[in-house]
PDB file of N, CA and C in Angstrom:
ATOM      1  N   MET A   1      12.061  15.465  13.424  1.00  0.00           N
ATOM      2  CA  MET A   1      11.674  14.374  12.419  1.00  0.00           C
ATOM      3  C   MET A   1      11.222  15.137  10.245  1.00  0.00           C
ATOM      4  N   ASP A   2      11.848  13.814   9.522  1.00  0.00           N
ATOM      5  CA  ASP A   2      12.003  13.657   8.310  1.00  0.00           C
ATOM      6  C   ASP A   2      10.485  14.082   7.929  1.00  0.00           C
ATOM      7  N   LYS A   3       9.779  15.154   7.167  1.00  0.00           N
ATOM      8  CA  LYS A   3       8.194  15.207   6.366  1.00  0.00           C
ATOM      9  C   LYS A   3       7.520  14.040   5.590  1.00  0.00           C
ATOM     10  N   PHE A   4       8.894  13.473   4.860  1.00  0.00           N
ATOM     11  CA  PHE A   4       8.475  12.344   4.508  1.00  0.00           C
ATOM     12  C   PHE A   4       8.316  10.886   4.889  1.00  0.00           C
ATOM     13  N   VAL A   5       9.097  11.218   6.307  1.00  0.00           N
ATOM     14  CA  VAL A   5       8.880   9.416   7.078  1.00  0.00           C
ATOM     15  C   VAL A   5       7.932   9.588   7.552  1.00  0.00           C
ATOM     16  N   ILE A   6       7.112  10.779   7.976  1.00  0.00           N
ATOM     17  CA  ILE A   6       6.296  10.760   8.950  1.00  0.00           C
ATOM     18  C   ILE A   6       4.766  10.318   8.309  1.00  0.00           C
ATOM     19  N   SER A   7       4.901  11.211   6.697  1.00  0.00           N
ATOM     20  CA  SER A   7       3.575  10.504   5.329  1.00  0.00           C
ATOM     21  C   SER A   7       3.821   9.452   5.716  1.00  0.00           C
ATOM     22  N   MET A   8       4.644   8.505   5.185  1.00  0.00           N
ATOM     23  CA  MET A   8       5.021   7.275   4.953  1.00  0.00           C
ATOM     24  C   MET A   8       4.986   6.703   6.025  1.00  0.00           C
ATOM     25  N   ALA A   9       5.078   6.997   6.978  1.00  0.00           N
ATOM     26  CA  ALA A   9       4.258   6.258   8.314  1.00  0.00           C
ATOM     27  C   ALA A   9       2.936   6.358   9.161  1.00  0.00           C
ATOM     28  N   THR A  10       2.025   7.999   8.483  1.00  0.00           N
ATOM     29  CA  THR A  10       0.954   7.985   8.647  1.00  0.00           C
ATOM     30  C   THR A  10       0.609   7.120   7.424  1.00  0.00           C
ATOM     31  N   LEU A  11       0.626   7.237   6.618  1.00  0.00           N
ATOM     32  CA  LEU A  11      -0.417   6.424   5.519  1.00  0.00           C
ATOM     33  C   LEU A  11       0.014   5.060   5.634  1.00  0.00           C
ATOM     34  N   ARG A  12       0.910   3.938   5.883  1.00  0.00           N
ATOM     35  CA  ARG A  12       0.737   2.896   6.982  1.00  0.00           C
ATOM     36  C   ARG A  12       0.267   2.369   8.063  1.00  0.00           C
ATOM     37  N   MET A  13      -0.051   3.576   9.261  1.00  0.00           N
ATOM     38  CA  MET A  13      -0.925   3.929   9.956  1.00  0.00           C
ATOM     39  C   MET A  13      -2.229   3.195   9.239  1.00  0.00           C
ATOM     40  N   ILE A  14      -3.115   4.404   8.927  1.00  0.00           N
ATOM     41  CA  ILE A  14      -3.978   4.438   8.350  1.00  0.00           C
ATOM     42  C   ILE A  14      -4.342   3.155   7.703  1.00  0.00           C
ATOM     43  N   SER A  15      -3.471   2.633   6.841  1.00  0.00           N
ATOM     44  CA  SER A  15      -3.812   1.537   6.129  1.00  0.00           C
ATOM     45  C   SER A  15      -3.554  -0.180   6.702  1.00  0.00           C
ATOM     46  N   GLY A  16      -3.927   0.300   8.184  1.00  0.00           N
ATOM     47  CA  GLY A  16      -3.539  -0.753   8.930  1.00  0.00           C
ATOM     48  C   GLY A  16      -4.697  -0.254  10.129  1.00  0.00           C
ATOM     49  N   THR A  17      -5.682   0.635   9.988  1.00  0.00           N
ATOM     50  CA  THR A  17      -6.538   0.661  11.163  1.00  0.00           C
ATOM     51  C   THR A  17      -7.876   0.445   9.602  1.00  0.00           C
ATOM     52  N   ILE A  18      -7.158   0.723   9.001  1.00  0.00           N
ATOM     53  CA  ILE A  18      -8.612   0.109   7.984  1.00  0.00           C
ATOM     54  C   ILE A  18      -8.619  -0.994   7.879  1.00  0.00           C
ATOM     55  N   GLU A  19      -7.448  -2.066   7.941  1.00  0.00           N
ATOM     56  CA  GLU A  19      -7.730  -3.402   7.930  1.00  0.00           C
ATOM     57  C   GLU A  19      -8.068  -3.695   9.143  1.00  0.00           C
ATOM     58  N   ILE A  20      -7.540  -3.616   9.957  1.00  0.00           N
ATOM     59  CA  ILE A  20      -8.008  -4.148  11.766  1.00  0.00           C
ATOM     60  C   ILE A  20      -9.792  -3.900  11.820  1.00  0.00           C
ATOM     61  N   ALA A  21     -10.195  -2.722  11.150  1.00  0.00           N
ATOM     62  CA  ALA A  21     -11.954  -2.203  11.089  1.00  0.00           C
ATOM     63  C   ALA A  21     -12.432  -3.019  10.256  1.00  0.00           C
ATOM     64  N   ALA A  22     -11.875  -2.849   9.065  1.00  0.00           N
ATOM     65  CA  ALA A  22     -12.577  -4.273   7.963  1.00  0.00           C
ATOM     66  C   ALA A  22     -12.106  -5.496   8.460  1.00  0.00           C
ATOM     67  N   ALA A  23     -11.206  -5.746   8.971  1.00  0.00           N
ATOM     68  CA  ALA A  23     -11.973  -7.365   9.958  1.00  0.00           C
ATOM     69  C   ALA A  23     -12.465  -7.133  11.252  1.00  0.00           C
ATOM     70  N   LEU A  24     -12.912  -6.272  11.656  1.00  0.00           N
ATOM     71  CA  LEU A  24     -13.784  -6.558  13.113  1.00  0.00           C
ATOM     72  C   LEU A  24     -15.204  -6.195  12.577  1.00  0.00           C
ATOM     73  N   PHE A  25     -15.653  -5.692  11.640  1.00  0.00           N
ATOM     74  CA  PHE A  25     -16.364  -5.849  10.600  1.00  0.00           C
ATOM     75  C   PHE A  25     -16.863  -6.791  10.002  1.00  0.00           C
ATOM     76  N   MET A  26     -15.900  -7.610   9.467  1.00  0.00           N
ATOM     77  CA  MET A  26     -16.432  -9.350   8.886  1.00  0.00           C
ATOM     78  C   MET A  26     -16.285 -10.441  10.000  1.00  0.00           C
ATOM     79  N   LEU A  27     -16.174  -9.542  11.031  1.00  0.00           N
ATOM     80  CA  LEU A  27     -16.591 -10.292  12.818  1.00  0.00           C
ATOM     81  C   LEU A  27     -18.054 -10.028  12.676  1.00  0.00           C
ATOM     82  N   ARG A  28     -18.688  -8.705  12.421  1.00  0.00           N
ATOM     83  CA  ARG A  28     -19.994  -8.230  13.229  1.00  0.00           C
ATOM     84  C   ARG A  28     -20.523  -9.526  11.941  1.00  0.00           C
ATOM     85  N   LEU A  29     -20.495  -8.767  11.123  1.00  0.00           N
ATOM     86  CA  LEU A  29     -21.350  -9.307   9.568  1.00  0.00           C
ATOM     87  C   LEU A  29     -21.251 -11.000  10.252  1.00  0.00           C
ATOM     88  N   ALA A  30     -20.780 -11.300   9.595  1.00  0.00           N
ATOM     89  CA  ALA A  30     -20.780 -12.554  10.626  1.00  0.00           C
ATOM     90  C   ALA A  30     -21.667 -13.507   9.777  1.00  0.00           C
ATOM     91  N   GLN A  31     -20.954 -13.261   8.680  1.00  0.00           N
ATOM     92  CA  GLN A  31     -21.276 -14.091   7.301  1.00  0.00           C
ATOM     93  C   GLN A  31     -20.304 -14.436   6.165  1.00  0.00           C
ATOM     94  N   VAL A  32     -20.427 -15.619   5.778  1.00  0.00           N
ATOM     95  CA  VAL A  32     -18.630 -15.567   4.956  1.00  0.00           C
ATOM     96  C   VAL A  32     -18.365 -14.470   3.379  1.00  0.00           C
ATOM     97  N   ASP A  33     -20.265 -15.127   2.937  1.00  0.00           N
ATOM     98  CA  ASP A  33     -20.463 -14.454   1.639  1.00  0.00           C
ATOM     99  C   ASP A  33     -19.574 -12.787   1.679  1.00  0.00           C
ATOM    100  N   LYS A  34     -19.997 -11.737   3.015  1.00  0.00           N
ATOM    101  CA  LYS A  34     -20.168 -10.746   2.926  1.00  0.00           C
ATOM    102  C   LYS A  34     -19.117  -9.906   3.632  1.00  0.00           C
ATOM    103  N   ALA A  35     -18.488 -11.073   4.389  1.00  0.00           N
ATOM    104  CA  ALA A  35     -16.865 -11.106   4.368  1.00  0.00           C
ATOM    105  C   ALA A  35     -16.806 -11.309   3.545  1.00  0.00           C
ATOM    106  N   LEU A  36     -16.368 -12.112   2.362  1.00  0.00           N
ATOM    107  CA  LEU A  36     -15.225 -12.159   0.762  1.00  0.00           C
ATOM    108  C   LEU A  36     -15.607 -10.861   0.414  1.00  0.00           C
ATOM    109  N   ALA A  37     -16.802 -10.120   0.439  1.00  0.00           N
ATOM    110  CA  ALA A  37     -16.525  -8.680   0.160  1.00  0.00           C
ATOM    111  C   ALA A  37     -16.046  -7.779   0.537  1.00  0.00           C
ATOM    112  N   VAL A  38     -16.112  -7.439   1.969  1.00  0.00           N
ATOM    113  CA  VAL A  38     -15.570  -6.863   2.386  1.00  0.00           C
ATOM    114  C   VAL A  38     -13.029  -7.523   2.257  1.00  0.00           C
ATOM    115  N   ASN A  39     -13.082  -8.068   1.929  1.00  0.00           N
ATOM    116  CA  ASN A  39     -12.275  -8.509   2.015  1.00  0.00           C
ATOM    117  C   ASN A  39     -11.377  -8.096   0.118  1.00  0.00           C
ATOM    118  N   SER A  40     -12.812  -8.429  -0.602  1.00  0.00           N
ATOM    119  CA  SER A  40     -12.119  -8.055  -1.778  1.00  0.00           C
ATOM    120  C   SER A  40     -11.428  -6.065  -1.935  1.00  0.00           C
ATOM    121  N   LEU A  41     -12.887  -5.864  -1.291  1.00  0.00           N
ATOM    122  CA  LEU A  41     -12.608  -4.120  -1.291  1.00  0.00           C
ATOM    123  C   LEU A  41     -11.301  -3.627  -0.710  1.00  0.00           C
ATOM    124  N   LEU A  42     -10.430  -4.413   0.185  1.00  0.00           N
ATOM    125  CA  LEU A  42      -9.245  -4.138   1.132  1.00  0.00           C
ATOM    126  C   LEU A  42      -8.106  -4.394  -0.262  1.00  0.00           C
ATOM    127  N   ALA A  43      -8.519  -5.669  -1.068  1.00  0.00           N
ATOM    128  CA  ALA A  43      -7.196  -5.706  -2.237  1.00  0.00           C
ATOM    129  C   ALA A  43      -6.870  -4.719  -2.568  1.00  0.00           C
ATOM    130  N   ILE A  44      -7.917  -3.301  -2.879  1.00  0.00           N
ATOM    131  CA  ILE A  44      -7.564  -2.009  -3.606  1.00  0.00           C
ATOM    132  C   ILE A  44      -6.508  -0.786  -2.402  1.00  0.00           C
ATOM    133  N   VAL A  45      -6.674  -1.905  -1.255  1.00  0.00           N
ATOM    134  CA  VAL A  45      -6.307  -1.248  -0.559  1.00  0.00           C
ATOM    135  C   VAL A  45      -5.018  -1.241  -0.209  1.00  0.00           C
ATOM    136  N   GLY A  46      -4.254  -2.188  -0.061  1.00  0.00           N
ATOM    137  CA  GLY A  46      -2.397  -2.442  -0.409  1.00  0.00           C
ATOM    138  C   GLY A  46      -2.442  -2.179  -1.015  1.00  0.00           C
ATOM    139  N   PRO A  47      -2.774  -2.522  -2.784  1.00  0.00           N
ATOM    140  CA  PRO A  47      -1.929  -1.690  -3.716  1.00  0.00           C
ATOM    141  C   PRO A  47      -1.599  -0.470  -3.914  1.00  0.00           C
ATOM    142  N   THR A  48      -2.434   0.255  -3.672  1.00  0.00           N
ATOM    143  CA  THR A  48      -2.913   1.533  -2.851  1.00  0.00           C
ATOM    144  C   THR A  48      -1.746   2.512  -2.224  1.00  0.00           C
ATOM    145  N   VAL A  49      -1.229   1.551  -1.418  1.00  0.00           N
ATOM    146  CA  VAL A  49      -1.043   1.891   0.022  1.00  0.00           C
ATOM    147  C   VAL A  49       0.820   2.144  -0.532  1.00  0.00           C
ATOM    148  N   LEU A  50       1.190   1.127  -1.444  1.00  0.00           N
ATOM    149  CA  LEU A  50       2.234   0.639  -1.932  1.00  0.00           C
ATOM    150  C   LEU A  50       2.762   1.695  -2.572  1.00  0.00           C
ATOM    151  N   ILE A  51       1.986   1.966  -3.510  1.00  0.00           N
ATOM    152  CA  ILE A  51       2.127   2.437  -4.398  1.00  0.00           C
ATOM    153  C   ILE A  51       2.583   4.214  -3.744  1.00  0.00           C
ATOM    154  N   LEU A  52       1.928   4.662  -3.320  1.00  0.00           N
ATOM    155  CA  LEU A  52       1.802   5.852  -2.406  1.00  0.00           C
ATOM    156  C   LEU A  52       2.950   6.004  -1.437  1.00  0.00           C
ATOM    157  N   THR A  53       3.462   4.737  -0.818  1.00  0.00           N
ATOM    158  CA  THR A  53       4.452   5.199   0.334  1.00  0.00           C
ATOM    159  C   THR A  53       5.251   5.038  -0.674  1.00  0.00           C
ATOM    160  N   THR A  54       5.967   4.202  -1.139  1.00  0.00           N
ATOM    161  CA  THR A  54       7.187   4.353  -2.593  1.00  0.00           C
ATOM    162  C   THR A  54       7.392   5.089  -2.986  1.00  0.00           C
ATOM    163  N   SER A  55       6.255   6.156  -3.355  1.00  0.00           N
ATOM    164  CA  SER A  55       6.352   7.560  -4.404  1.00  0.00           C
ATOM    165  C   SER A  55       6.801   8.057  -2.998  1.00  0.00           C
ATOM    166  N   ILE A  56       6.603   8.503  -1.908  1.00  0.00           N
ATOM    167  CA  ILE A  56       6.336   9.446  -1.751  1.00  0.00           C
ATOM    168  C   ILE A  56       7.827   9.230  -0.446  1.00  0.00           C
ATOM    169  N   GLY A  57       8.225   8.010  -1.191  1.00  0.00           N
ATOM    170  CA  GLY A  57       9.608   7.623  -0.250  1.00  0.00           C
ATOM    171  C   GLY A  57      11.217   7.948  -1.356  1.00  0.00           C
ATOM    172  N   LEU A  58      10.605   7.822  -2.926  1.00  0.00           N
ATOM    173  CA  LEU A  58      11.250   8.550  -4.300  1.00  0.00           C
ATOM    174  C   LEU A  58      11.336   9.363  -3.868  1.00  0.00           C
ATOM    175  N   VAL A  59      10.081  10.079  -3.691  1.00  0.00           N
ATOM    176  CA  VAL A  59      10.502  12.079  -4.138  1.00  0.00           C
ATOM    177  C   VAL A  59      11.299  12.662  -2.778  1.00  0.00           C
ATOM    178  N   GLY A  60      11.387  11.394  -1.697  1.00  0.00           N
ATOM    179  CA  GLY A  60      12.129  12.238  -0.728  1.00  0.00           C
ATOM    180  C   GLY A  60      13.225  11.919  -0.733  1.00  0.00           C
ATOM    181  N   LEU A  61      13.936  11.095  -1.650  1.00  0.00           N
ATOM    182  CA  LEU A  61      15.383  10.593  -2.324  1.00  0.00           C
ATOM    183  C   LEU A  61      15.876  11.270  -3.255  1.00  0.00           C
ATOM    184  N   ALA A  62      14.334  11.665  -3.766  1.00  0.00           N
ATOM    185  CA  ALA A  62      14.701  12.182  -5.719  1.00  0.00           C
ATOM    186  C   ALA A  62      16.513  12.352  -5.996  1.00  0.00           C
ATOM    187  N   ASP A  63      16.746  14.383  -4.652  1.00  0.00           N
ATOM    188  CA  ASP A  63      17.808  14.447  -4.532  1.00  0.00           C
ATOM    189  C   ASP A  63      19.602  13.390  -4.428  1.00  0.00           C
ATOM    190  N   LYS A  64      18.769  12.432  -4.395  1.00  0.00           N
ATOM    191  CA  LYS A  64      20.533  11.602  -3.690  1.00  0.00           C
ATOM    192  C   LYS A  64      20.859  10.379  -4.302  1.00  0.00           C
ATOM    193  N   LEU A  65      19.302   9.805  -5.429  1.00  0.00           N
ATOM    194  CA  LEU A  65      19.722   8.581  -6.126  1.00  0.00           C
ATOM    195  C   LEU A  65      19.789   9.153  -7.688  1.00  0.00           C
ATOM    196  N   SER A  66      20.267   8.414  -8.367  1.00  0.00           N
ATOM    197  CA  SER A  66      20.880   8.357  -9.547  1.00  0.00           C
ATOM    198  C   SER A  66      18.951   7.866 -10.421  1.00  0.00           C
ATOM    199  N   TRP A  67      18.920   9.254 -11.452  1.00  0.00           N
ATOM    200  CA  TRP A  67      18.113   8.556 -12.591  1.00  0.00           C
ATOM    201  C   TRP A  67      17.964   7.069 -12.964  1.00  0.00           C
ATOM    202  N   GLY A  68      19.477   6.081 -13.250  1.00  0.00           N
ATOM    203  CA  GLY A  68      19.676   4.348 -12.844  1.00  0.00           C
ATOM    204  C   GLY A  68      18.959   3.881 -11.783  1.00  0.00           C
ATOM    205  N   LYS A  69      18.843   4.197 -10.812  1.00  0.00           N
ATOM    206  CA  LYS A  69      18.553   3.455  -9.638  1.00  0.00           C
ATOM    207  C   LYS A  69      16.852   4.596  -9.271  1.00  0.00           C
ATOM    208  N   ILE A  70      16.472   4.961  -9.607  1.00  0.00           N
ATOM    209  CA  ILE A  70      15.198   5.371  -9.167  1.00  0.00           C
ATOM    210  C   ILE A  70      14.359   4.448 -10.126  1.00  0.00           C
ATOM    211  N   ALA A  71      14.995   4.245 -11.890  1.00  0.00           N
ATOM    212  CA  ALA A  71      14.616   3.436 -13.050  1.00  0.00           C
ATOM    213  C   ALA A  71      14.414   2.023 -12.016  1.00  0.00           C
ATOM    214  N   TRP A  72      15.240   1.744 -11.815  1.00  0.00           N
ATOM    215  CA  TRP A  72      15.334   0.254 -10.782  1.00  0.00           C
ATOM    216  C   TRP A  72      14.245   1.023 -10.019  1.00  0.00           C
ATOM    217  N   ILE A  73      13.744   1.002  -8.709  1.00  0.00           N
ATOM    218  CA  ILE A  73      13.305   1.013  -8.091  1.00  0.00           C
ATOM    219  C   ILE A  73      11.552   1.303  -8.766  1.00  0.00           C
ATOM    220  N   PHE A  74      11.387   1.408 -10.056  1.00  0.00           N
ATOM    221  CA  PHE A  74      10.359   1.787 -10.680  1.00  0.00           C
ATOM    222  C   PHE A  74       9.596   0.505 -11.134  1.00  0.00           C
ATOM    223  N   ALA A  75      11.389   0.135 -11.423  1.00  0.00           N
ATOM    224  CA  ALA A  75      11.049  -2.011 -12.145  1.00  0.00           C
ATOM    225  C   ALA A  75      10.554  -2.823 -11.289  1.00  0.00           C
ATOM    226  N   GLY A  76      10.975  -2.360  -9.793  1.00  0.00           N
ATOM    227  CA  GLY A  76      11.003  -3.701  -9.300  1.00  0.00           C
ATOM    228  C   GLY A  76       9.405  -3.326  -8.797  1.00  0.00           C
ATOM    229  N   VAL A  77       8.723  -2.517  -8.314  1.00  0.00           N
ATOM    230  CA  VAL A  77       7.789  -1.795  -8.067  1.00  0.00           C
ATOM    231  C   VAL A  77       6.641  -2.564  -8.956  1.00  0.00           C
ATOM    232  N   SER A  78       7.033  -2.122 -10.267  1.00  0.00           N
ATOM    233  CA  SER A  78       6.066  -2.479 -11.555  1.00  0.00           C
ATOM    234  C   SER A  78       5.967  -3.959 -11.001  1.00  0.00           C
ATOM    235  N   CYS A  79       7.248  -5.106 -10.765  1.00  0.00           N
ATOM    236  CA  CYS A  79       7.067  -5.854 -11.268  1.00  0.00           C
ATOM    237  C   CYS A  79       6.541  -6.885  -9.808  1.00  0.00           C
ATOM    238  N   LEU A  80       5.672  -6.420  -8.419  1.00  0.00           N
ATOM    239  CA  LEU A  80       6.165  -6.550  -7.357  1.00  0.00           C
ATOM    240  C   LEU A  80       4.264  -6.315  -7.906  1.00  0.00           C
ATOM    241  N   LEU A  81       3.555  -4.716  -8.654  1.00  0.00           N
ATOM    242  CA  LEU A  81       2.376  -5.072  -9.164  1.00  0.00           C
ATOM    243  C   LEU A  81       1.930  -6.152 -10.005  1.00  0.00           C
ATOM    244  N   ILE A  82       2.273  -5.886 -10.866  1.00  0.00           N
ATOM    245  CA  ILE A  82       1.936  -7.082 -11.584  1.00  0.00           C
ATOM    246  C   ILE A  82       1.872  -8.672 -11.254  1.00  0.00           C
ATOM    247  N   GLY A  83       3.094  -8.570 -10.570  1.00  0.00           N
ATOM    248  CA  GLY A  83       2.838 -10.266  -9.653  1.00  0.00           C
ATOM    249  C   GLY A  83       1.393 -10.011  -8.654  1.00  0.00           C
ATOM    250  N   ILE A  84       1.568  -9.125  -8.975  1.00  0.00           N
ATOM    251  CA  ILE A  84      -0.196  -8.816  -7.653  1.00  0.00           C
ATOM    252  C   ILE A  84      -1.265  -8.664  -7.666  1.00  0.00           C
ATOM    253  N   LEU A  85      -1.255  -8.725  -9.196  1.00  0.00           N
ATOM    254  CA  LEU A  85      -2.438  -8.060  -9.792  1.00  0.00           C
ATOM    255  C   LEU A  85      -3.059  -8.986 -10.675  1.00  0.00           C
ATOM    256  N   LYS A  86      -1.814  -9.486 -11.215  1.00  0.00           N
ATOM    257  CA  LYS A  86      -2.028 -10.332 -12.901  1.00  0.00           C
ATOM    258  C   LYS A  86      -2.542 -11.955 -12.366  1.00  0.00           C
ATOM    259  N   LYS A  87      -3.812 -12.597 -12.761  1.00  0.00           N
ATOM    260  CA  LYS A  87      -4.178 -13.271 -12.866  1.00  0.00           C
ATOM    261  C   LYS A  87      -4.175 -14.030 -13.840  1.00  0.00           C
TER     262      LYS A  87
END
């Protein structure tokens, strides 16, 4: 199996594990204010995993893609991040 695919899948599994652990922690806390604080911390995880997995994928495809296509991918990811993070 390709090491880039394994790395991307591993990051996603770690991200999912963090999400499930946070949900269980929220249930254990049983208070809205504390659960909201945990949820706010998760806002860091999502975009970070998106950037890391996309970067790993691009490194894996770098020899197969033209510079123009790589630029379009970065533009798309940038638009996603601006849409997610801009208030």
